[in-house]
């Protein structure tokens, strides 16, 4: 479905989510043959079961529909991989328009142009793009406030990509904080900045401090954030990937009871969804599954 209004702009991780772009599992995964040939090159932990993935995604969308006024869908496209279900990563949407990322994961390179065509058709202009040799994935981009953005320097986002992003954002007087990320499990695994920090309110964040640089942790604490650290076992099941629907109202993957309870103790409302097929196998939580187009 398409929103009747062309409102857009996202320079917050927590403002109420009004308009969101997603790609259904049936369109990202397409068929059994595509799943069978595609999961291993992408580094999945196993092949998603297509029927179960479609049911999980239907339930996920039903939960979103209770929270978000406008939910829009990308169509199936043979040029994209299973990873296109993670609609967040190929573009950044600002109050001025969209910035096209150049994916560090080469198998995802086609997604930015495909998403850009959709955005332009629905009234969102393209205001910049990351060009070779730069790489940048939106999973490494966290808006700390409307004028401050943290960008993870990772295997997916390189120095040149960050330099280009800084230049594109100069017109908005945006401060860019570069956050070096560790090697962790190596270049084939997915470690974005959003793998170690999710904002839930202006003073509340879910974090995995083992992988969060000291200066970034201190920056957050100095600005009044309470940090809710996820346990090791739940970091592996994507507990640190939290989608804020509005301040202190959020969505997480089911199966992370400690993190759920910790959030609730901090006054948050927590909505769970089953994501074994659509999240756990491809290492993409609710933020990855959703590309916010408008928060206000």
Protein backbone atom coordinates (compact mmCIF):
# COMPACT_ATOMS: atom_id res chain seq x y z
CA UNK A 1 0.00 0.00 0.00
CA UNK A 2 1.17 3.56 -0.64
CA UNK A 3 0.68 6.50 1.65
CA UNK A 4 -1.57 9.26 0.32
CA UNK A 5 0.79 11.91 1.66
CA UNK A 6 4.35 12.35 0.49
CA UNK A 7 5.66 13.19 3.97
CA UNK A 8 9.15 11.92 4.63
CA UNK A 9 12.18 12.54 6.81
CA UNK A 10 14.06 10.47 9.37
CA UNK A 11 16.71 12.07 11.56
CA UNK A 12 15.73 10.27 14.73
CA UNK A 13 15.72 6.65 15.86
CA UNK A 14 12.85 7.14 18.34
CA UNK A 15 10.33 9.69 17.04
CA UNK A 16 6.94 8.07 16.29
CA UNK A 17 7.18 5.93 13.17
CA UNK A 18 4.62 7.15 10.61
CA UNK A 19 5.65 5.68 7.27
CA UNK A 20 7.78 2.62 6.62
CA UNK A 21 9.05 0.63 3.64
CA UNK A 22 9.42 -3.14 3.87
CA UNK A 23 9.91 -6.15 1.61
CA UNK A 24 7.82 -9.20 2.29
CA UNK A 25 9.54 -12.56 2.71
CA UNK A 26 7.61 -13.98 -0.25
CA UNK A 27 9.10 -11.26 -2.46
CA UNK A 28 12.62 -11.30 -1.02
CA UNK A 29 12.94 -15.11 -0.94
CA UNK A 30 10.80 -15.67 -4.09
CA UNK A 31 10.89 -19.46 -4.29
CA UNK A 32 12.45 -22.58 -2.84
CA UNK A 33 15.14 -22.68 -5.52
CA UNK A 34 16.26 -19.11 -4.80
CA UNK A 35 16.50 -19.90 -1.10
CA UNK A 36 18.42 -23.14 -1.71
CA UNK A 37 21.02 -21.46 -3.91
CA UNK A 38 21.17 -18.15 -2.08
CA UNK A 39 21.45 -18.67 1.65
CA UNK A 40 25.03 -19.99 1.89
CA UNK A 41 26.78 -17.28 -0.21
CA UNK A 42 25.12 -14.69 2.03
CA UNK A 43 26.47 -16.28 5.20
CA UNK A 44 23.12 -17.36 6.66
CA UNK A 45 23.15 -19.86 9.51
CA UNK A 46 20.81 -22.07 7.50
CA UNK A 47 18.27 -21.94 4.67
CA UNK A 48 15.04 -20.16 5.65
CA UNK A 49 11.98 -22.38 5.38
CA UNK A 50 9.90 -20.43 2.86
CA UNK A 51 6.41 -21.30 4.12
CA UNK A 52 7.32 -20.55 7.74
CA UNK A 53 9.11 -17.34 6.69
CA UNK A 54 5.97 -16.11 4.90
CA UNK A 55 3.84 -16.85 7.97
CA UNK A 56 6.33 -15.11 10.25
CA UNK A 57 6.38 -12.08 7.99
CA UNK A 58 2.59 -11.92 7.76
CA UNK A 59 2.47 -11.85 11.56
CA UNK A 60 5.23 -9.24 11.69
CA UNK A 61 3.33 -6.97 9.30
CA UNK A 62 0.12 -7.45 11.30
CA UNK A 63 1.93 -6.15 14.39
CA UNK A 64 3.34 -3.20 12.45
CA UNK A 65 -0.10 -2.31 11.12
CA UNK A 66 -1.28 -1.68 14.68
CA UNK A 67 1.53 0.85 15.16
CA UNK A 68 2.31 2.51 11.82
CA UNK A 69 -0.15 4.40 9.62
CA UNK A 70 1.55 3.78 6.25
CA UNK A 71 3.30 0.51 5.38
CA UNK A 72 4.67 0.25 1.84
CA UNK A 73 6.11 -2.78 0.06
CA UNK A 74 8.98 -3.24 -2.35
CA UNK A 75 8.22 -5.72 -5.11
CA UNK A 76 10.05 -8.93 -5.96
CA UNK A 77 13.07 -8.39 -8.19
CA UNK A 78 15.34 -11.05 -9.68
CA UNK A 79 18.34 -8.74 -9.31
CA UNK A 80 18.22 -8.92 -5.51
CA UNK A 81 19.16 -11.61 -3.01
CA UNK A 82 17.45 -13.02 0.07
CA UNK A 83 19.03 -10.15 2.00
CA UNK A 84 16.68 -7.68 0.32
CA UNK A 85 14.22 -8.57 3.10
CA UNK A 86 16.39 -6.25 5.22
CA UNK A 87 15.05 -3.07 3.66
CA UNK A 88 16.82 -0.74 6.10
CA UNK A 89 20.34 -0.97 4.73
CA UNK A 90 20.39 0.31 1.10
CA UNK A 91 19.34 3.93 1.75
CA UNK A 92 19.37 6.66 4.37
CA UNK A 93 16.32 8.93 4.46
CA UNK A 94 16.85 12.46 5.78
CA UNK A 95 14.54 15.44 6.05
CA UNK A 96 16.00 16.65 2.74
CA UNK A 97 15.64 13.37 0.86
CA UNK A 98 17.34 10.01 0.42
CA UNK A 99 21.02 9.14 0.34
CA UNK A 100 21.85 6.00 -1.63
CA UNK A 101 24.28 3.70 0.12
CA UNK A 102 26.88 1.59 -1.66
CA UNK A 103 26.67 -1.72 0.11
CA UNK A 104 29.84 -3.22 1.54
CA UNK A 105 28.27 -6.64 0.97
CA UNK A 106 28.73 -6.98 -2.78
CA UNK A 107 25.77 -9.34 -3.24
CA UNK A 108 23.51 -6.48 -2.12
CA UNK A 109 24.80 -3.75 -4.45
CA UNK A 110 21.70 -3.71 -6.69
CA UNK A 111 19.34 -2.90 -3.84
CA UNK A 112 20.12 0.81 -3.52
CA UNK A 113 19.13 1.69 -7.09
CA UNK A 114 15.97 -0.43 -6.87
CA UNK A 115 14.93 1.24 -3.62
CA UNK A 116 15.82 4.66 -5.07
CA UNK A 117 13.44 4.12 -7.99
CA UNK A 118 10.64 3.35 -5.56
CA UNK A 119 11.39 6.37 -3.40
CA UNK A 120 11.47 8.79 -6.32
CA UNK A 121 8.18 7.40 -7.60
CA UNK A 122 6.59 8.10 -4.21
CA UNK A 123 7.86 11.63 -3.79
CA UNK A 124 11.19 11.27 -2.01
CA UNK A 125 14.07 12.95 -3.88
CA UNK A 126 17.60 11.55 -4.03
CA UNK A 127 20.00 14.11 -2.51
CA UNK A 128 23.23 12.11 -2.61
CA UNK A 129 24.86 8.78 -3.21
CA UNK A 130 27.97 6.97 -2.05
CA UNK A 131 30.31 6.40 -4.98
CA UNK A 132 33.20 3.90 -5.43
CA UNK A 133 35.50 3.24 -3.71
CA UNK A 134 33.29 4.28 -0.81
CA UNK A 135 31.06 1.78 0.94
CA UNK A 136 28.38 2.56 3.48
CA UNK A 137 25.47 0.57 4.85
CA UNK A 138 22.64 2.23 6.75
CA UNK A 139 22.93 -0.35 9.52
CA UNK A 140 26.05 1.55 10.54
CA UNK A 141 24.16 4.87 10.81
CA UNK A 142 22.52 5.86 14.11
CA UNK A 143 20.88 9.28 14.56
CA UNK A 144 21.66 10.41 18.11
CA UNK A 145 19.59 13.54 17.57
CA UNK A 146 18.46 15.57 14.54
CA UNK A 147 21.90 17.12 14.10
CA UNK A 148 24.18 14.34 15.35
CA UNK A 149 24.74 11.02 13.64
CA UNK A 150 27.03 8.18 14.69
CA UNK A 151 28.52 6.10 11.88
CA UNK A 152 30.19 2.76 12.46
CA UNK A 153 33.50 2.16 10.69
CA UNK A 154 33.07 -1.51 9.93
CA UNK A 155 33.79 -4.10 7.27
CA UNK A 156 30.62 -2.83 5.53
CA UNK A 157 31.31 0.91 5.85
CA UNK A 158 34.76 2.26 4.97
CA UNK A 159 36.54 5.58 5.55
CA UNK A 160 35.74 6.90 2.07
CA UNK A 161 32.06 6.09 2.49
CA UNK A 162 32.01 8.01 5.76
CA UNK A 163 33.85 10.97 4.17
CA UNK A 164 31.27 11.13 1.39
CA UNK A 165 28.40 10.94 3.87
CA UNK A 166 29.89 13.81 5.85
CA UNK A 167 30.08 15.90 2.69
CA UNK A 168 26.47 15.12 1.76
CA UNK A 169 25.25 16.06 5.23
CA UNK A 170 27.24 19.30 5.45
CA UNK A 171 24.29 21.38 4.24
CA UNK A 172 22.32 20.29 7.30
CA UNK A 173 25.17 21.19 9.69
CA UNK A 174 25.14 17.59 10.86
CA UNK A 175 27.87 16.40 13.20
CA UNK A 176 29.20 12.95 12.29
CA UNK A 177 30.76 10.83 15.03
CA UNK A 178 32.87 7.98 13.66
CA UNK A 179 32.68 4.82 15.77
CA UNK A 180 35.35 2.19 14.99
CA UNK A 181 33.98 -1.35 15.23
CA UNK A 182 36.07 -4.45 16.03
CA UNK A 183 36.95 -7.42 13.84
CA UNK A 184 34.64 -9.63 15.95
CA UNK A 185 33.74 -12.65 13.75
CA UNK A 186 35.36 -11.26 10.62
CA UNK A 187 34.25 -9.70 7.34
CA UNK A 188 31.73 -12.42 6.43
CA UNK A 189 29.65 -11.80 9.53
CA UNK A 190 27.37 -8.80 9.97
CA UNK A 191 28.48 -6.39 12.66
CA UNK A 192 26.90 -2.98 12.19
CA UNK A 193 26.84 -0.16 14.71
CA UNK A 194 23.16 -1.02 15.14
CA UNK A 195 24.30 -4.49 16.25
CA UNK A 196 25.62 -2.92 19.45
CA UNK A 197 23.30 0.02 20.14
CA UNK A 198 19.59 0.69 19.74
CA UNK A 199 18.00 3.89 21.05
CA UNK A 200 14.65 3.46 22.78
CA UNK A 201 14.16 6.99 24.13
CA UNK A 202 16.09 10.24 24.48
CA UNK A 203 17.65 8.84 27.64
CA UNK A 204 17.47 5.06 27.14
CA UNK A 205 19.50 2.71 24.93
CA UNK A 206 19.90 -1.03 24.58
CA UNK A 207 23.59 -1.82 24.18
CA UNK A 208 26.15 -4.58 24.01
CA UNK A 209 29.01 -2.88 25.78
CA UNK A 210 31.53 -5.63 25.04
CA UNK A 211 31.65 -4.32 21.46
CA UNK A 212 30.90 -0.64 22.13
CA UNK A 213 33.99 1.62 22.07
CA UNK A 214 34.71 3.26 25.42
CA UNK A 215 34.38 6.81 24.08
CA UNK A 216 30.94 6.08 22.61
CA UNK A 217 29.73 4.51 25.84
CA UNK A 218 31.03 7.49 27.81
CA UNK A 219 29.42 9.91 25.31
CA UNK A 220 26.01 8.35 25.86
CA UNK A 221 26.33 8.25 29.65
CA UNK A 222 27.52 11.87 29.77
CA UNK A 223 24.35 12.88 27.91
CA UNK A 224 22.09 11.18 30.40
CA UNK A 225 21.44 7.82 28.76
CA UNK A 226 20.73 4.76 30.83
CA UNK A 227 22.36 1.81 29.05
CA UNK A 228 20.59 -1.53 29.19
CA UNK A 229 23.21 -4.14 28.38
CA UNK A 230 22.03 -7.37 26.79
CA UNK A 231 23.58 -10.66 28.00
CA UNK A 232 25.98 -12.54 25.74
CA UNK A 233 23.49 -15.29 24.88
CA UNK A 234 20.82 -12.78 23.88
CA UNK A 235 23.18 -10.70 21.79
CA UNK A 236 23.56 -13.82 19.67
CA UNK A 237 19.77 -13.92 19.25
CA UNK A 238 19.58 -10.25 18.16
CA UNK A 239 18.37 -8.76 21.45
CA UNK A 240 20.38 -5.61 20.79
CA UNK A 241 18.45 -4.98 17.57
CA UNK A 242 15.45 -3.05 18.88
CA UNK A 243 13.02 -1.08 16.72
CA UNK A 244 11.63 1.99 18.47
CA UNK A 245 8.07 2.61 17.27
CA UNK A 246 7.89 5.72 19.47
CA UNK A 247 9.70 6.69 22.68
CA UNK A 248 9.74 3.68 25.03
CA UNK A 249 7.51 1.63 22.74
CA UNK A 250 9.52 -0.93 20.81
CA UNK A 251 9.71 -4.24 18.98
CA UNK A 252 12.17 -7.10 19.52
CA UNK A 253 12.67 -10.66 18.29
CA UNK A 254 10.96 -13.19 20.55
CA UNK A 255 13.21 -15.41 22.63
CA UNK A 256 15.11 -12.70 24.52
CA UNK A 257 13.38 -12.74 27.93
CA UNK A 258 16.11 -11.00 29.91
CA UNK A 259 16.23 -8.04 27.53
CA UNK A 260 12.43 -7.89 27.40
CA UNK A 261 12.17 -7.79 31.18
CA UNK A 262 14.95 -5.20 31.46
CA UNK A 263 13.19 -2.94 28.97
CA UNK A 264 9.87 -3.32 30.75
CA UNK A 265 11.51 -2.52 34.09
CA UNK A 266 12.74 0.71 32.47
CA UNK A 267 9.14 1.60 31.55
CA UNK A 268 9.14 0.44 27.95
CA UNK A 269 6.31 -1.36 26.17
CA UNK A 270 7.80 -4.33 24.33
CA UNK A 271 6.17 -6.04 21.34
CA UNK A 272 7.65 -9.40 20.33
CA UNK A 273 7.52 -11.17 16.99
CA UNK A 274 8.66 -14.65 15.95
CA UNK A 275 11.68 -14.30 13.71
CA UNK A 276 13.50 -17.60 13.47
CA UNK A 277 13.27 -17.68 9.67
CA UNK A 278 13.16 -13.97 8.77
CA UNK A 279 15.58 -12.64 11.40
CA UNK A 280 17.77 -15.19 13.14
CA UNK A 281 19.03 -17.09 10.07
CA UNK A 282 20.03 -13.92 8.22
CA UNK A 283 21.08 -11.96 11.34
CA UNK A 284 18.63 -9.12 10.81
CA UNK A 285 16.28 -7.91 13.53
CA UNK A 286 13.26 -5.60 13.38
CA UNK A 287 15.29 -2.47 12.56
CA UNK A 288 16.84 -4.32 9.61
CA UNK A 289 13.43 -5.44 8.34
CA UNK A 290 12.07 -1.89 8.24
CA UNK A 291 13.18 1.21 6.33
CA UNK A 292 11.56 4.20 8.10
CA UNK A 293 10.52 6.85 5.59
CA UNK A 294 8.96 9.27 8.04
CA UNK A 295 9.28 9.76 11.76
CA UNK A 296 7.55 12.72 13.34
